[in-house]
């Protein structure tokens, strides 16, 4: 899976979580903090999955 596609999917998950929190009347400050943390986790996960494997010698 490509890095961009993985990250795009994670952004959709973040948007859904933010929308759910806003419906639950969570303060906007907390929504932003949680979204930034989730974005960081998404980037780390995408980079980990896209890291090239060592070629056998």
Protein backbone atom coordinates (compact mmCIF):
# COMPACT_ATOMS: atom_id res chain seq x y z
CA UNK A 1 0.00 0.00 0.00
CA UNK A 2 1.43 3.41 -0.89
CA UNK A 3 2.27 6.01 1.70
CA UNK A 4 -0.21 8.52 0.32
CA UNK A 5 -3.09 6.08 0.24
CA UNK A 6 -2.36 4.90 3.78
CA UNK A 7 -2.20 8.47 5.03
CA UNK A 8 -5.39 9.42 3.16
CA UNK A 9 -7.24 6.59 4.88
CA UNK A 10 -5.93 7.69 8.25
CA UNK A 11 -7.08 11.27 7.59
CA UNK A 12 -10.57 9.91 6.93
CA UNK A 13 -10.44 8.09 10.28
CA UNK A 14 -9.31 11.30 12.00
CA UNK A 15 -12.12 13.28 10.36
CA UNK A 16 -14.67 10.72 11.54
CA UNK A 17 -13.30 10.78 15.06
CA UNK A 18 -13.34 14.59 15.11
CA UNK A 19 -16.91 14.66 13.85
CA UNK A 20 -17.96 12.12 16.49
CA UNK A 21 -16.30 14.15 19.22
CA UNK A 22 -18.00 17.34 18.04
CA UNK A 23 -21.39 15.58 18.11
CA UNK A 24 -20.54 14.47 21.66
CA UNK A 25 -19.89 18.15 22.55
CA UNK A 26 -16.18 17.75 23.24
CA UNK A 27 -14.37 21.09 23.45
CA UNK A 28 -12.71 22.13 20.15
CA UNK A 29 -9.32 22.41 21.88
CA UNK A 30 -9.41 18.72 22.78
CA UNK A 31 -10.58 17.78 19.30
CA UNK A 32 -7.53 19.54 17.81
CA UNK A 33 -5.12 17.97 20.30
CA UNK A 34 -6.46 14.46 19.68
CA UNK A 35 -6.45 15.01 15.91
CA UNK A 36 -2.81 16.10 15.91
CA UNK A 37 -1.81 13.12 18.04
CA UNK A 38 -3.72 10.74 15.72
CA UNK A 39 -2.07 12.35 12.68
CA UNK A 40 1.35 11.74 14.22
CA UNK A 41 0.45 8.10 14.88
CA UNK A 42 -0.80 7.80 11.30
CA UNK A 43 2.44 9.17 9.87
CA UNK A 44 4.52 6.83 12.01
CA UNK A 45 2.40 3.85 10.98
CA UNK A 46 2.58 4.80 7.29
CA UNK A 47 6.36 5.20 7.38
CA UNK A 48 6.76 1.91 9.23
CA UNK A 49 4.67 0.04 6.64
CA UNK A 50 6.44 1.68 3.69
CA UNK A 51 10.01 1.21 4.91
CA UNK A 52 11.92 -0.79 2.34
CA UNK A 53 12.97 -4.22 3.43
CA UNK A 54 16.59 -5.32 3.23
CA UNK A 55 17.26 -7.26 0.07
CA UNK A 56 18.73 -10.74 0.59
CA UNK A 57 22.38 -10.96 -0.39
